[in-house]
Protein backbone atom coordinates (compact mmCIF):
# COMPACT_ATOMS: atom_id res chain seq x y z
CA MET A 1 104.02 149.74 57.68
CA PRO A 2 100.90 150.53 59.52
CA ASP A 3 100.14 146.64 59.47
CA PHE A 4 103.92 145.60 60.23
CA PRO A 5 103.45 145.87 63.87
CA LYS A 6 100.18 143.30 63.42
CA ARG A 7 102.04 141.04 61.90
CA LEU A 8 105.05 141.01 63.75
CA ALA A 9 102.87 139.91 66.71
CA LEU A 10 100.99 137.27 64.74
CA LEU A 11 104.03 135.45 63.52
CA VAL A 12 105.25 135.72 67.37
CA LEU A 13 102.26 134.12 68.46
CA VAL A 14 102.25 131.71 65.72
CA GLY A 15 105.77 130.59 66.22
CA ALA A 16 105.02 130.06 70.26
CA LEU A 17 102.09 127.96 69.21
CA THR A 18 103.85 125.81 66.77
CA ALA A 19 107.36 125.29 67.31
CA GLY A 20 107.07 121.98 68.71
CA PRO A 21 106.42 120.10 71.85
CA GLY A 22 107.82 122.81 74.16
CA PRO A 23 105.90 123.79 77.19
CA VAL A 24 102.79 121.80 75.53
CA GLU A 25 104.19 119.11 75.39
CA ALA A 26 105.63 119.22 78.78
CA GLN A 27 101.97 119.25 80.52
CA VAL A 28 101.48 115.57 80.38
CA SER A 29 105.00 114.51 80.12
CA ASP A 30 106.39 112.38 82.74
CA THR A 31 109.69 112.79 82.56
CA VAL A 32 112.55 114.42 84.69
CA PRO A 33 113.88 117.48 84.52
CA SER A 34 118.01 117.93 83.93
CA GLY A 35 120.39 117.41 86.76
CA ARG A 36 117.99 115.27 88.46
CA PRO A 37 118.90 111.82 89.83
CA ALA A 38 116.85 109.63 87.89
CA ALA A 39 115.65 105.81 87.69
CA ASP A 40 113.37 103.60 87.14
CA THR A 41 109.60 104.32 88.20
CA ALA A 42 109.42 100.68 89.91
CA SER A 43 112.82 100.58 90.79
CA VAL A 44 112.33 103.77 92.66
CA ALA A 45 109.48 102.76 94.13
CA GLY A 46 111.17 99.48 95.27
CA GLN A 47 113.77 101.43 96.91
CA LEU A 48 111.51 103.55 98.80
CA VAL A 49 109.76 100.07 99.97
CA ALA A 50 112.86 98.53 101.05
CA GLU A 51 114.19 101.60 103.06
CA ALA A 52 110.70 101.25 104.63
CA LEU A 53 111.19 97.83 105.32
CA GLU A 54 113.81 98.12 107.22
CA SER A 55 113.43 101.41 109.09
CA ASN A 56 109.58 102.26 109.40
CA LEU A 57 109.06 102.65 113.62
CA ALA A 58 105.59 101.04 113.39
CA LEU A 59 107.29 97.87 111.57
CA ARG A 60 109.96 98.12 114.31
CA GLN A 61 107.29 98.16 117.09
CA LYS A 62 105.45 95.00 115.52
CA ARG A 63 108.82 92.83 115.26
CA ILE A 64 109.35 93.81 118.96
CA GLY A 65 105.87 92.60 119.65
CA LEU A 66 106.73 89.37 118.08
CA GLU A 67 110.01 89.07 119.76
CA GLN A 68 108.67 89.52 122.90
CA ALA A 69 105.85 86.92 122.10
CA ARG A 70 108.84 84.12 121.21
CA ALA A 71 110.38 85.25 124.56
CA ALA A 72 107.47 84.73 126.44
CA LEU A 73 106.91 81.01 124.48
CA ALA A 74 110.70 80.39 125.96
CA GLU A 75 109.45 81.37 129.17
CA ALA A 76 106.60 79.10 129.43
CA ARG A 77 108.81 75.98 127.79
CA GLY A 78 111.22 76.92 130.56
CA GLN A 79 108.61 75.36 132.95
CA TYR A 80 109.14 72.16 131.61
CA LEU A 81 112.80 71.70 132.90
CA PRO A 82 113.68 71.22 137.23
CA ARG A 83 114.13 74.48 139.40
CA LEU A 84 116.59 74.92 142.00
CA ASP A 85 116.95 77.67 144.49
CA VAL A 86 119.20 78.08 147.31
CA SER A 87 118.35 80.16 150.29
CA ALA A 88 120.32 81.29 153.17
CA ARG A 89 119.12 82.82 156.87
CA TYR A 90 121.22 83.67 159.86
CA SER A 91 119.41 85.12 162.69
CA ARG A 92 120.52 86.79 166.18
CA ALA A 93 117.97 87.21 168.53
CA GLU A 94 117.26 89.43 171.82
CA GLY A 95 114.18 89.51 174.04
CA GLY A 96 110.90 88.04 172.98
CA ARG A 97 108.64 85.52 174.20
CA THR A 98 109.48 82.77 176.60
CA ILE A 99 108.14 79.62 178.22
CA ASP A 100 108.33 79.58 181.89
CA ILE A 101 108.93 75.88 183.60
CA PRO A 102 108.67 76.16 187.42
CA VAL A 103 110.64 73.22 188.31
CA GLY A 104 112.07 74.56 191.30
CA ASP A 105 108.92 75.16 192.49
CA LEU A 106 108.14 71.44 191.89
CA VAL A 107 111.11 69.62 192.90
CA ASN A 108 112.68 72.02 195.77
CA PRO A 109 109.95 70.97 198.54
CA ALA A 110 110.58 67.39 198.02
CA TYR A 111 114.57 68.14 198.14
CA ARG A 112 114.22 70.09 201.30
CA THR A 113 112.40 67.05 202.96
CA LEU A 114 115.04 64.75 201.72
CA ASN A 115 117.77 66.87 203.40
CA ASP A 116 115.86 67.16 206.67
CA LEU A 117 115.31 63.52 206.68
CA THR A 118 118.97 62.66 205.83
CA GLY A 119 120.55 65.40 207.77
CA THR A 120 122.64 66.11 204.57
CA THR A 121 122.61 68.83 201.82
CA ASP A 122 122.64 65.96 198.80
CA PHE A 123 119.71 67.79 197.18
CA PRO A 124 120.34 71.10 196.16
CA GLN A 125 117.59 73.75 195.46
CA ILE A 126 116.96 74.24 191.51
CA ASP A 127 115.94 77.60 190.09
CA ASN A 128 112.86 77.67 187.62
CA GLU A 129 113.38 77.30 184.12
CA GLU A 130 112.85 80.08 181.41
CA ILE A 131 113.16 79.22 177.92
CA PRO A 132 112.96 81.79 175.21
CA PHE A 133 110.83 81.25 171.96
CA LEU A 134 113.72 82.93 169.90
CA ARG A 135 117.46 81.19 169.71
CA SER A 136 119.97 83.86 170.60
CA THR A 137 121.71 82.59 167.11
CA GLU A 138 120.28 80.50 164.21
CA GLN A 139 121.21 79.40 160.56
CA GLU A 140 119.22 77.47 157.71
CA THR A 141 121.33 77.14 154.47
CA VAL A 142 118.94 75.04 151.99
CA LEU A 143 119.03 73.77 148.33
CA ARG A 144 116.08 72.96 146.76
CA LEU A 145 115.01 71.09 143.70
CA GLN A 146 111.46 70.93 142.07
CA GLN A 147 110.55 68.81 139.15
CA PRO A 148 107.26 68.80 137.76
CA ILE A 149 105.82 65.73 136.97
CA VAL A 150 102.55 65.96 135.77
CA ASN A 151 100.88 69.23 135.16
CA PRO A 152 98.33 69.93 132.49
CA SER A 153 98.58 73.80 132.69
CA ILE A 154 102.51 73.75 131.48
CA VAL A 155 101.66 72.04 128.08
CA TYR A 156 98.48 73.87 127.31
CA GLY A 157 99.80 77.30 128.37
CA SER A 158 103.00 76.55 125.90
CA ARG A 159 101.07 75.74 123.13
CA ALA A 160 98.86 79.11 123.79
CA ARG A 161 101.88 80.68 123.63
CA ARG A 162 102.85 79.13 120.25
CA HIS A 163 100.08 80.07 119.19
CA ARG A 164 100.39 83.63 119.78
CA VAL A 165 103.88 83.56 118.73
CA ARG A 166 102.07 82.11 114.85
CA ALA A 167 99.42 85.48 115.40
CA GLU A 168 102.23 87.79 116.03
CA ARG A 169 104.08 86.48 112.99
CA ALA A 170 101.20 87.11 110.98
CA GLY A 171 100.34 90.00 112.53
CA VAL A 172 103.99 91.34 111.13
CA ALA A 173 103.50 90.11 107.64
CA ALA A 174 100.26 92.00 107.13
CA PHE A 175 101.42 95.48 109.10
CA ARG A 176 104.44 94.80 106.49
CA ARG A 177 102.12 94.42 103.33
CA GLU A 178 100.37 97.35 104.68
CA LEU A 179 103.20 99.21 104.28
CA ILE A 180 104.56 98.40 100.92
CA ARG A 181 101.18 99.37 99.71
CA ASP A 182 101.23 102.50 101.74
CA VAL A 183 104.61 103.48 100.35
CA ARG A 184 103.84 103.01 96.87
CA VAL A 185 100.65 104.82 97.03
CA ALA A 186 102.21 107.71 98.25
CA TYR A 187 105.24 107.57 96.19
CA PHE A 188 102.41 107.91 93.48
CA ARG A 189 100.43 110.65 95.02
CA TYR A 190 103.79 112.48 95.22
CA ARG A 191 104.50 111.84 91.52
CA GLN A 192 100.76 113.05 90.58
CA ALA A 193 101.80 116.20 92.87
CA GLN A 194 104.54 116.71 90.94
CA THR A 195 103.90 116.12 87.47
CA ARG A 196 100.66 118.43 88.20
CA VAL A 197 103.20 121.08 88.44
CA ASP A 198 104.61 120.26 85.32
CA VAL A 199 101.33 120.59 83.87
CA LEU A 200 100.60 124.26 85.65
CA GLN A 201 104.41 125.76 84.72
CA SER A 202 103.39 124.97 81.40
CA ALA A 203 99.95 126.41 81.64
CA GLY A 204 101.71 129.70 83.00
CA GLU A 205 104.11 129.45 80.53
CA LEU A 206 101.00 129.84 77.48
CA ALA A 207 99.35 132.47 79.85
CA ARG A 208 102.41 134.48 80.02
CA GLU A 209 102.98 134.44 76.35
CA ASN A 210 99.18 135.15 75.59
CA ARG A 211 99.82 138.11 78.20
CA ARG A 212 102.85 139.83 76.07
CA THR A 213 100.53 138.78 72.64
CA ASN A 214 98.08 140.95 73.90
CA LEU A 215 100.52 143.91 75.40
CA ARG A 216 102.14 143.68 71.62
CA LEU A 217 98.51 143.92 69.94
CA VAL A 218 97.31 147.10 72.42
CA SER A 219 100.61 148.93 71.73
CA ALA A 220 99.83 148.36 68.00
CA GLU A 221 96.50 149.46 68.43
CA ARG A 222 94.87 145.93 67.48
CA ALA A 223 93.36 145.43 70.81
CA THR A 224 91.95 147.37 74.10
CA GLN A 225 93.64 147.44 77.48
CA GLU A 226 90.34 145.18 78.23
CA ALA A 227 92.36 141.96 76.81
CA VAL A 228 95.52 142.65 78.77
CA TYR A 229 93.41 142.31 82.03
CA ARG A 230 91.70 139.37 81.22
CA ALA A 231 95.46 137.83 80.15
CA GLU A 232 96.33 139.07 83.52
CA VAL A 233 93.51 137.36 85.30
CA ASP A 234 94.48 133.98 83.42
CA VAL A 235 98.25 134.36 84.50
CA LEU A 236 96.92 135.06 88.15
CA GLU A 237 94.78 132.00 88.23
CA VAL A 238 97.62 129.78 86.86
CA ARG A 239 99.77 131.16 89.76
CA GLN A 240 97.36 130.41 92.38
CA GLN A 241 96.90 126.63 91.80
CA LEU A 242 100.71 126.47 91.12
CA ASP A 243 101.43 127.49 94.64
CA GLU A 244 99.01 124.99 95.47
CA ALA A 245 100.55 122.51 93.85
CA HIS A 246 104.01 122.91 95.39
CA ALA A 247 102.30 122.88 98.92
CA SER A 248 100.51 119.35 97.79
CA VAL A 249 103.99 118.00 96.73
CA ASP A 250 105.98 119.10 100.18
CA ARG A 251 102.98 117.34 101.89
CA ALA A 252 103.48 114.34 100.08
CA ARG A 253 107.32 114.38 100.13
CA ARG A 254 107.07 114.91 104.02
CA TYR A 255 104.32 111.44 104.16
CA LEU A 256 106.61 109.51 102.29
CA ASN A 257 109.76 110.20 104.10
CA VAL A 258 108.04 109.67 107.49
CA LEU A 259 106.98 106.27 106.05
CA ARG A 260 110.38 105.41 105.10
CA ASN A 261 111.95 107.06 108.48
CA ARG A 262 113.90 110.07 107.06
CA PRO A 263 113.66 113.33 107.56
CA PRO A 264 110.77 115.73 106.38
CA GLU A 265 112.78 117.48 103.64
CA THR A 266 115.00 114.48 102.09
CA PRO A 267 114.57 114.55 98.35
CA ILE A 268 112.70 111.87 96.68
CA PRO A 269 114.65 110.04 93.70
CA GLU A 270 112.95 110.90 90.39
CA PRO A 271 112.04 107.97 87.67
CA ARG A 272 113.68 108.09 84.30
CA ALA A 273 110.77 106.39 82.49
CA ASP A 274 107.04 107.73 82.31
CA ALA A 275 104.20 106.47 84.25
CA ARG A 276 102.62 104.74 81.19
CA ALA A 277 105.39 102.39 80.86
CA HIS A 278 105.11 101.27 84.47
CA ILE A 279 100.89 101.09 84.11
CA ARG A 280 101.76 98.81 81.13
CA ARG A 281 104.35 96.55 83.16
CA GLN A 282 101.59 96.02 86.30
CA ILE A 283 98.89 94.97 84.12
CA GLU A 284 101.20 92.47 82.27
CA ALA A 285 102.16 91.14 85.64
CA LEU A 286 98.78 90.51 86.71
CA ASP A 287 97.21 86.55 86.55
CA PRO A 288 95.47 86.33 82.84
CA SER A 289 91.68 86.12 84.33
CA LEU A 290 92.43 89.16 86.39
CA ARG A 291 93.55 90.99 83.32
CA ARG A 292 90.66 89.44 81.46
CA ARG A 293 88.51 90.64 83.93
CA ILE A 294 89.75 94.36 84.56
CA SER A 295 89.38 94.77 80.58
CA THR A 296 85.73 94.02 80.48
CA VAL A 297 83.04 96.52 80.89
CA PRO A 298 82.32 97.52 84.22
CA GLY A 299 79.14 95.67 85.71
CA ARG A 300 77.72 94.87 89.05
CA SER A 301 80.03 95.46 91.94
CA GLU A 302 78.36 93.13 94.31
CA SER A 303 79.40 89.61 95.51
CA LEU A 304 77.87 86.49 95.91
CA LEU A 305 78.75 84.27 99.03
CA THR A 306 79.50 80.61 98.97
CA ALA A 307 81.81 78.24 101.60
CA SER A 308 85.08 77.52 100.67
CA ARG A 309 87.11 74.75 101.60
CA ASP A 310 87.98 75.20 105.02
CA GLY A 311 84.11 76.31 105.74
CA ASN A 312 84.37 80.30 105.83
CA PRO A 313 82.11 82.18 103.48
CA VAL A 314 83.97 84.06 100.77
CA PRO A 315 82.36 85.51 97.30
CA ALA A 316 82.10 83.49 94.96
CA ASP A 317 81.88 83.84 90.77
CA ARG A 318 80.10 86.53 89.54
CA PRO A 319 77.76 84.84 86.97
CA GLY A 320 79.71 84.46 83.50
CA ASP A 321 82.87 85.97 84.42
CA GLY A 322 84.64 82.88 85.21
CA LEU A 323 86.83 84.34 88.62
CA ARG A 324 87.56 82.94 91.31
CA LEU A 325 88.64 84.50 94.88
CA ASP A 326 89.56 81.28 96.93
CA PRO A 327 92.93 81.44 95.71
CA TRP A 328 94.15 84.67 96.82
CA ILE A 329 91.65 85.11 99.83
CA HIS A 330 93.78 82.20 101.53
CA THR A 331 97.02 83.75 101.02
CA ARG A 332 96.11 86.95 102.85
CA PRO A 333 97.97 86.91 106.30
CA GLU A 334 94.93 88.22 108.02
CA LEU A 335 93.09 84.73 107.80
CA GLU A 336 96.59 83.03 109.36
CA GLN A 337 96.49 86.09 112.28
CA VAL A 338 93.16 85.08 113.00
CA GLY A 339 93.19 81.37 112.50
CA ALA A 340 96.29 81.41 115.04
CA ALA A 341 94.34 83.49 117.17
CA ILE A 342 91.67 80.55 117.26
CA ASP A 343 94.29 78.06 118.06
CA ALA A 344 95.76 79.90 121.00
CA ALA A 345 91.96 80.69 122.33
CA GLU A 346 91.15 76.91 121.98
CA SER A 347 94.68 76.29 124.22
CA GLN A 348 93.14 78.58 126.68
CA ARG A 349 89.98 76.91 127.02
CA ARG A 350 92.13 73.42 127.57
CA LEU A 351 94.22 75.45 130.08
CA ALA A 352 90.86 76.40 132.16
CA GLN A 353 90.01 72.63 131.63
CA ALA A 354 93.38 71.83 133.36
CA ASP A 355 92.48 73.29 136.40
CA TYR A 356 89.82 70.48 137.14
CA LEU A 357 92.87 67.78 136.83
CA PRO A 358 95.49 66.99 139.42
CA THR A 359 98.95 68.43 139.66
CA VAL A 360 102.11 66.34 140.51
CA SER A 361 105.38 67.66 141.14
CA LEU A 362 108.63 66.00 142.82
CA ALA A 363 110.81 68.50 145.20
CA VAL A 364 114.06 67.64 147.20
CA GLU A 365 115.59 69.95 150.06
CA ALA A 366 119.15 69.61 151.24
CA GLY A 367 120.95 71.84 153.69
CA ILE A 368 122.14 72.57 157.09
CA GLN A 369 120.68 74.20 159.88
CA GLY A 370 121.41 75.02 163.71
CA ALA A 371 123.01 77.80 166.20
CA ASP A 372 126.39 77.74 164.03
CA TYR A 373 127.80 76.95 160.93
CA GLY A 374 129.18 73.09 160.25
CA PHE A 375 128.40 69.87 158.81
CA SER A 376 128.65 67.66 162.08
CA GLY A 377 126.23 66.17 164.30
CA GLU A 378 122.49 66.76 163.55
CA ARG A 379 123.21 70.14 161.13
CA PRO A 380 122.72 68.37 157.71
CA PHE A 381 119.37 67.14 156.57
CA VAL A 382 117.84 66.35 153.31
CA LEU A 383 114.07 66.00 152.99
CA GLY A 384 112.29 64.31 149.38
CA SER A 385 108.89 65.25 148.73
CA VAL A 386 106.31 63.91 146.19
CA VAL A 387 103.78 66.57 146.10
CA LEU A 388 99.90 65.95 144.58
CA SER A 389 97.70 69.13 144.23
CA TRP A 390 93.99 68.88 143.34
CA ASN A 391 91.23 71.41 143.93
CA LEU A 392 88.37 69.66 144.22
CA PHE A 393 85.91 72.80 144.98
CA ASP A 394 86.05 76.66 143.74
CA GLY A 395 82.80 77.93 144.20
CA PHE A 396 82.30 77.06 140.09
CA GLN A 397 85.19 79.23 139.34
CA ASP A 398 86.85 76.58 136.95
CA ARG A 399 83.65 76.65 134.93
CA ARG A 400 82.91 79.95 134.44
CA ALA A 401 86.61 80.29 133.27
CA VAL A 402 85.90 77.53 130.44
CA GLN A 403 82.73 79.31 129.41
CA GLN A 404 84.74 82.30 128.83
CA ARG A 405 87.62 80.69 126.70
CA ARG A 406 84.86 78.57 125.00
CA LEU A 407 83.10 82.02 123.55
CA GLU A 408 86.05 83.55 122.65
CA VAL A 409 86.77 80.51 120.74
CA ASP A 410 83.28 81.17 119.31
CA ARG A 411 83.68 84.77 118.54
CA LEU A 412 86.87 84.58 116.82
CA ARG A 413 85.37 82.01 114.51
CA THR A 414 83.07 84.45 113.60
CA ARG A 415 85.58 86.97 113.24
CA ARG A 416 87.68 84.53 110.65
CA ALA A 417 84.26 84.12 108.45
CA ASP A 418 84.21 88.03 108.68
CA VAL A 419 87.37 88.79 107.79
CA ALA A 420 87.12 86.10 104.79
CA GLN A 421 84.29 88.15 103.40
CA GLN A 422 85.52 91.24 103.96
CA ILE A 423 88.71 90.10 101.76
CA GLY A 424 87.01 88.55 98.84
CA LEU A 425 84.69 92.48 99.27
CA GLU A 426 87.84 93.72 98.89
CA VAL A 427 89.50 91.55 96.24
CA ARG A 428 86.26 92.30 94.17
CA SER A 429 86.22 96.19 94.99
CA ALA A 430 90.16 96.48 93.98
CA LEU A 431 89.07 95.16 90.49
CA ASP A 432 86.16 97.45 89.98
CA ASP A 433 88.63 99.96 91.05
CA VAL A 434 91.28 99.21 88.49
CA GLN A 435 88.37 98.69 85.80
CA VAL A 436 87.11 101.71 86.18
CA ALA A 437 90.10 103.58 86.58
CA ARG A 438 91.55 101.60 83.32
CA ARG A 439 88.40 103.08 81.29
CA SER A 440 88.74 106.52 83.18
CA LEU A 441 92.14 106.61 81.43
CA GLU A 442 91.65 106.11 78.07
CA THR A 443 88.79 108.47 78.22
CA ALA A 444 91.11 111.01 79.57
CA GLU A 445 93.58 110.13 76.82
CA ALA A 446 90.70 110.76 74.45
CA ARG A 447 89.97 114.15 75.99
CA VAL A 448 93.31 115.39 75.87
CA ARG A 449 93.40 114.81 72.34
CA ALA A 450 90.25 116.66 71.45
CA ALA A 451 91.63 119.70 74.05
CA ARG A 452 94.58 119.81 72.13
CA GLU A 453 93.21 119.88 68.75
CA THR A 454 90.57 122.58 70.46
CA PHE A 455 93.64 124.82 71.58
CA ARG A 456 95.13 124.69 68.46
CA LEU A 457 92.21 125.56 66.09
CA THR A 458 90.71 128.66 68.54
CA SER A 459 94.55 129.66 68.65
CA ARG A 460 94.52 129.86 64.59
CA ARG A 461 91.03 131.38 64.75
CA HIS A 462 92.16 133.65 67.26
CA ASP A 463 95.07 134.47 64.77
CA ALA A 464 92.68 135.07 62.02
CA GLY A 465 90.56 137.68 63.86
CA ARG A 466 87.70 135.35 64.28
CA ALA A 467 87.92 134.33 67.71
CA ASN A 468 87.95 136.61 70.93
CA GLN A 469 90.50 136.77 73.52
CA ILE A 470 87.86 134.96 76.13
CA GLU A 471 87.54 131.71 73.52
CA ARG A 472 91.30 131.69 73.76
CA ILE A 473 91.59 131.77 77.09
CA ASP A 474 88.93 129.06 77.58
CA ALA A 475 90.41 126.63 75.28
CA ARG A 476 93.90 127.07 77.13
CA THR A 477 91.72 126.24 80.46
CA THR A 478 90.18 123.52 78.65
CA ARG A 479 93.02 121.69 77.37
CA THR A 480 94.93 122.20 81.13
CA GLU A 481 92.17 120.73 82.91
CA ALA A 482 92.33 118.02 80.38
CA ASP A 483 95.90 117.74 80.91
CA LEU A 484 95.82 117.81 84.84
CA ASN A 485 92.54 115.16 84.59
CA LEU A 486 94.87 112.88 82.24
CA ASN A 487 97.50 113.38 84.93
CA ARG A 488 95.20 112.28 88.11
CA THR A 489 93.96 109.57 86.04
CA ARG A 490 97.42 107.74 85.26
CA TYR A 491 98.59 107.56 88.81
CA THR A 492 94.71 106.87 90.30
CA LEU A 493 95.28 103.39 87.95
CA LEU A 494 98.47 103.26 89.40
CA ILE A 495 97.37 103.79 92.91
CA ARG A 496 94.29 100.97 92.15
CA LEU A 497 97.07 98.42 91.14
CA ALA A 498 98.80 99.11 93.98
CA GLU A 499 95.53 98.59 96.31
CA LEU A 500 94.94 95.57 93.88
CA ASP A 501 98.23 94.10 94.68
CA TYR A 502 97.48 94.61 98.29
CA ALA A 503 94.27 92.60 98.37
CA LEU A 504 95.53 89.89 96.20
CA GLY A 505 98.47 89.43 98.89
CA LYS A 506 101.13 90.07 96.84
CA THR A 507 104.48 91.19 98.66
CA ASN A 508 107.15 93.22 97.90
CA GLY A 509 108.97 90.62 95.60
CA ASP A 510 105.80 90.05 93.71
CA TRP A 511 106.35 93.28 91.65
């Protein structure tokens, strides 16, 4: 009978460890707890991406910038059309400067002499005249029509704005792809944090079960109080890690909701399928040459440079890997954006050169003017003009402006070469990261298998009295760390695959 409490405690412990998956298997499970909305991992990510593409505030700003560029282009094209203006002015004046004409002083002496000679008053006395500069009332109503005939500035200005529209459109496409990547990465980090909570919750159940077992052993006088204190330390350690994990989940959820412009505490749909299935689909969707590349043993990460078909340096093949990066590099909208900026700068250069050339325009004015309104007499008028304007010298300002535009073109061409090089290196780095993450996942899975087996054997030895409490807790800790590492490695691989999709120029519909 004295051995009965000991046997009962051992049976309870062995039953907890061997009763099936329970909390142990839940440490590396990626399934959804009951009662939560479920969906496939890829479909959940796609749903979140679609919401972000529709509601993200930063992307909305980019689209508004594109509409502004289009409006500026329409404004520039409007300069080809004639311009019709109407202006009307009615004035009433008092005072002001006058012109004094001494008519009386000049004529009256002669008139007086004539009256004296003739003895008559036929020649009257005339007052001096005072004529004001301003009419007391005056109006002018004019309809003006202006039509440019020869104006190179309008042509090149319109071309520059058209290329800016291209640059803005490519900028929206580039930011859209960045947003897709950021949402996918944020979602995978959220799932990583959430699964870490599940792992630690299962570890906490094991730690609490160990504490209960030690309490029974102490009650049966088969263990000392020290074992209970050590088990309590283990429980508190897991609880502290769990609190930090919950905080990580909250931070990841809030950031993901910011990306899709939702309230911070909006729940995120949970996947029904595990991460392994999504990893398999992601890798199978890659180009065969890329799948072969990430399946090889990691080698050197530096890239050689060569010239692409348009003269821009891009990373060349590594010796023996048979991988060409040129097709993926030239699908990136960043290159289109820089190319459009180059074309816009070239048009600006031509626009500066156009200041050397004359401009010709036609102007027609028609209206009425006079002291009052009316269409009779001399009030109506029509005036037609052909206007030639040609700047002959402006202190070499035009020459300096052309030089600035030419240097801007050279700067942007250099930038395009640099962007092409950076994209190539980005693709290489993304491939290396996926390759390393995939091999790390294989190592993490083997580590979990070894840690589980170690925990199982240590638990048996502990139950048989051949292993102490510290060895069992150490085996549990090793297993939990292996499970956490496996969870972290799985989602790291998913994140690296999302970054590889971004580097390859894929869009939302490509995955």
